[in-house]
Amino acid sequence: MSNLQEIERAVSQLSVEELAAFRAWFAEFDAELWDRQFEEDVAAGRLDGLAEQALQHLREGRCTDL
């Protein structure tokens, strides 16, 4: 049995309370990973092109205030 299958099986056996706690933990865990990846992408310059495009659109008046 793979790790994923073991995790799926374990999660399916959680009580309602345990599942709620797991869901909250996983949401925080996933957000931290996403933040770390985003910071790495920014530091590596992988988002520079998108930022420049957004600024160009702003200069051209192609944006609306929220």
N, C-alpha and C. Protein backbone atom coordinates (compact mmCIF):
# COMPACT_ATOMS: atom_id res chain seq x y z
N MET A 1 0.85 -1.17 0.00
CA MET A 1 0.00 0.00 0.00
C MET A 1 0.90 1.25 0.00
N SER A 2 0.54 2.24 -0.82
CA SER A 2 1.36 3.45 -0.91
C SER A 2 1.07 4.38 0.26
N ASN A 3 1.96 5.33 0.46
CA ASN A 3 1.76 6.32 1.51
C ASN A 3 0.44 7.05 1.34
N LEU A 4 0.13 7.42 0.10
CA LEU A 4 -1.11 8.14 -0.16
C LEU A 4 -2.31 7.30 0.22
N GLN A 5 -2.29 6.04 -0.12
CA GLN A 5 -3.40 5.16 0.23
C GLN A 5 -3.53 5.02 1.75
N GLU A 6 -2.39 4.95 2.43
CA GLU A 6 -2.42 4.87 3.89
C GLU A 6 -3.00 6.13 4.49
N ILE A 7 -2.63 7.27 3.96
CA ILE A 7 -3.16 8.54 4.45
C ILE A 7 -4.66 8.64 4.19
N GLU A 8 -5.08 8.27 2.99
CA GLU A 8 -6.50 8.29 2.65
C GLU A 8 -7.30 7.40 3.61
N ARG A 9 -6.77 6.24 3.87
CA ARG A 9 -7.46 5.30 4.76
C ARG A 9 -7.54 5.88 6.16
N ALA A 10 -6.44 6.44 6.64
CA ALA A 10 -6.43 7.02 7.99
C ALA A 10 -7.40 8.19 8.09
N VAL A 11 -7.42 9.05 7.09
CA VAL A 11 -8.31 10.21 7.10
C VAL A 11 -9.76 9.76 7.08
N SER A 12 -10.06 8.75 6.31
CA SER A 12 -11.45 8.28 6.21
C SER A 12 -11.95 7.69 7.53
N GLN A 13 -11.04 7.35 8.43
CA GLN A 13 -11.44 6.77 9.71
C GLN A 13 -11.49 7.79 10.84
N LEU A 14 -11.21 9.07 10.54
CA LEU A 14 -11.23 10.09 11.59
C LEU A 14 -12.65 10.40 12.02
N SER A 15 -12.78 10.78 13.28
CA SER A 15 -14.08 11.24 13.77
C SER A 15 -14.35 12.64 13.18
N VAL A 16 -15.55 13.11 13.35
CA VAL A 16 -15.90 14.44 12.84
C VAL A 16 -14.98 15.50 13.45
N GLU A 17 -14.74 15.40 14.74
CA GLU A 17 -13.87 16.36 15.43
C GLU A 17 -12.43 16.28 14.94
N GLU A 18 -11.94 15.06 14.80
CA GLU A 18 -10.58 14.86 14.31
C GLU A 18 -10.44 15.35 12.87
N LEU A 19 -11.46 15.11 12.06
CA LEU A 19 -11.42 15.57 10.67
C LEU A 19 -11.38 17.09 10.61
N ALA A 20 -12.15 17.75 11.46
CA ALA A 20 -12.13 19.22 11.50
C ALA A 20 -10.74 19.73 11.89
N ALA A 21 -10.13 19.09 12.88
CA ALA A 21 -8.79 19.48 13.31
C ALA A 21 -7.78 19.23 12.20
N PHE A 22 -7.89 18.09 11.53
CA PHE A 22 -6.99 17.77 10.42
C PHE A 22 -7.16 18.77 9.29
N ARG A 23 -8.40 19.10 8.97
CA ARG A 23 -8.67 20.05 7.89
C ARG A 23 -8.02 21.40 8.20
N ALA A 24 -8.15 21.88 9.43
CA ALA A 24 -7.55 23.15 9.83
C ALA A 24 -6.03 23.07 9.75
N TRP A 25 -5.46 21.97 10.24
CA TRP A 25 -4.00 21.81 10.16
C TRP A 25 -3.54 21.80 8.72
N PHE A 26 -4.25 21.03 7.87
CA PHE A 26 -3.81 20.91 6.49
C PHE A 26 -3.93 22.24 5.75
N ALA A 27 -4.96 23.01 6.00
CA ALA A 27 -5.11 24.31 5.36
C ALA A 27 -3.92 25.21 5.71
N GLU A 28 -3.53 25.21 6.96
CA GLU A 28 -2.37 26.02 7.38
C GLU A 28 -1.07 25.49 6.76
N PHE A 29 -0.90 24.19 6.77
CA PHE A 29 0.28 23.55 6.18
C PHE A 29 0.39 23.89 4.70
N ASP A 30 -0.72 23.76 3.97
CA ASP A 30 -0.74 24.04 2.54
C ASP A 30 -0.46 25.51 2.26
N ALA A 31 -1.02 26.39 3.07
CA ALA A 31 -0.79 27.83 2.89
C ALA A 31 0.68 28.18 3.10
N GLU A 32 1.30 27.57 4.09
CA GLU A 32 2.72 27.82 4.34
C GLU A 32 3.58 27.37 3.16
N LEU A 33 3.26 26.21 2.59
CA LEU A 33 4.01 25.73 1.42
C LEU A 33 3.82 26.68 0.24
N TRP A 34 2.58 27.14 0.03
CA TRP A 34 2.29 28.07 -1.08
C TRP A 34 3.06 29.37 -0.88
N ASP A 35 3.05 29.90 0.35
CA ASP A 35 3.78 31.13 0.64
C ASP A 35 5.27 30.97 0.35
N ARG A 36 5.84 29.84 0.78
CA ARG A 36 7.26 29.59 0.57
C ARG A 36 7.58 29.53 -0.93
N GLN A 37 6.74 28.84 -1.71
CA GLN A 37 6.95 28.75 -3.15
C GLN A 37 6.84 30.12 -3.81
N PHE A 38 5.85 30.90 -3.38
CA PHE A 38 5.66 32.24 -3.93
C PHE A 38 6.89 33.11 -3.65
N GLU A 39 7.40 33.07 -2.42
CA GLU A 39 8.59 33.84 -2.07
C GLU A 39 9.79 33.41 -2.89
N GLU A 40 9.93 32.11 -3.12
CA GLU A 40 11.04 31.61 -3.95
C GLU A 40 10.89 32.10 -5.39
N ASP A 41 9.66 32.08 -5.90
CA ASP A 41 9.42 32.56 -7.27
C ASP A 41 9.73 34.05 -7.40
N VAL A 42 9.34 34.83 -6.41
CA VAL A 42 9.63 36.27 -6.43
C VAL A 42 11.14 36.50 -6.40
N ALA A 43 11.82 35.83 -5.48
CA ALA A 43 13.27 35.99 -5.35
C ALA A 43 14.00 35.58 -6.62
N ALA A 44 13.49 34.58 -7.32
CA ALA A 44 14.13 34.09 -8.54
C ALA A 44 13.76 34.93 -9.77
N GLY A 45 12.84 35.88 -9.59
CA GLY A 45 12.45 36.73 -10.71
C GLY A 45 11.43 36.12 -11.64
N ARG A 46 10.84 35.00 -11.23
CA ARG A 46 9.89 34.32 -12.11
C ARG A 46 8.59 35.09 -12.32
N LEU A 47 8.33 36.09 -11.47
CA LEU A 47 7.10 36.85 -11.59
C LEU A 47 7.34 38.26 -12.17
N ASP A 48 8.56 38.55 -12.51
CA ASP A 48 8.90 39.89 -13.01
C ASP A 48 8.11 40.25 -14.27
N GLY A 49 7.98 39.33 -15.19
CA GLY A 49 7.25 39.59 -16.43
C GLY A 49 5.79 39.91 -16.17
N LEU A 50 5.19 39.17 -15.25
CA LEU A 50 3.79 39.43 -14.91
C LEU A 50 3.64 40.79 -14.22
N ALA A 51 4.57 41.12 -13.35
CA ALA A 51 4.52 42.41 -12.67
C ALA A 51 4.66 43.54 -13.67
N GLU A 52 5.57 43.42 -14.60
CA GLU A 52 5.75 44.46 -15.61
C GLU A 52 4.51 44.60 -16.47
N GLN A 53 3.91 43.49 -16.83
CA GLN A 53 2.68 43.54 -17.63
C GLN A 53 1.57 44.26 -16.86
N ALA A 54 1.43 43.96 -15.58
CA ALA A 54 0.41 44.62 -14.76
C ALA A 54 0.67 46.13 -14.67
N LEU A 55 1.93 46.51 -14.48
CA LEU A 55 2.27 47.93 -14.41
C LEU A 55 2.00 48.62 -15.75
N GLN A 56 2.29 47.93 -16.85
CA GLN A 56 2.02 48.49 -18.17
C GLN A 56 0.52 48.72 -18.36
N HIS A 57 -0.27 47.78 -17.95
CA HIS A 57 -1.73 47.91 -18.04
C HIS A 57 -2.21 49.10 -17.20
N LEU A 58 -1.61 49.26 -16.03
CA LEU A 58 -1.96 50.39 -15.17
C LEU A 58 -1.61 51.71 -15.83
N ARG A 59 -0.41 51.79 -16.42
CA ARG A 59 0.01 53.02 -17.10
C ARG A 59 -0.90 53.34 -18.28
N GLU A 60 -1.41 52.31 -18.94
CA GLU A 60 -2.27 52.49 -20.11
C GLU A 60 -3.74 52.73 -19.74
N GLY A 61 -4.05 52.72 -18.44
CA GLY A 61 -5.39 52.94 -18.00
C GLY A 61 -6.32 51.75 -18.23
N ARG A 62 -5.74 50.58 -18.30
CA ARG A 62 -6.53 49.37 -18.57
C ARG A 62 -6.97 48.66 -17.29
N CYS A 63 -6.85 49.35 -16.15
CA CYS A 63 -7.22 48.78 -14.87
C CYS A 63 -8.37 49.58 -14.25
N THR A 64 -9.10 48.95 -13.39
CA THR A 64 -10.16 49.65 -12.68
C THR A 64 -9.91 49.57 -11.19
N ASP A 65 -10.33 50.59 -10.46
CA ASP A 65 -10.20 50.59 -9.01
C ASP A 65 -11.14 49.56 -8.41
N LEU A 66 -10.68 48.95 -7.35
CA LEU A 66 -11.54 47.98 -6.66
C LEU A 66 -12.34 48.68 -5.58
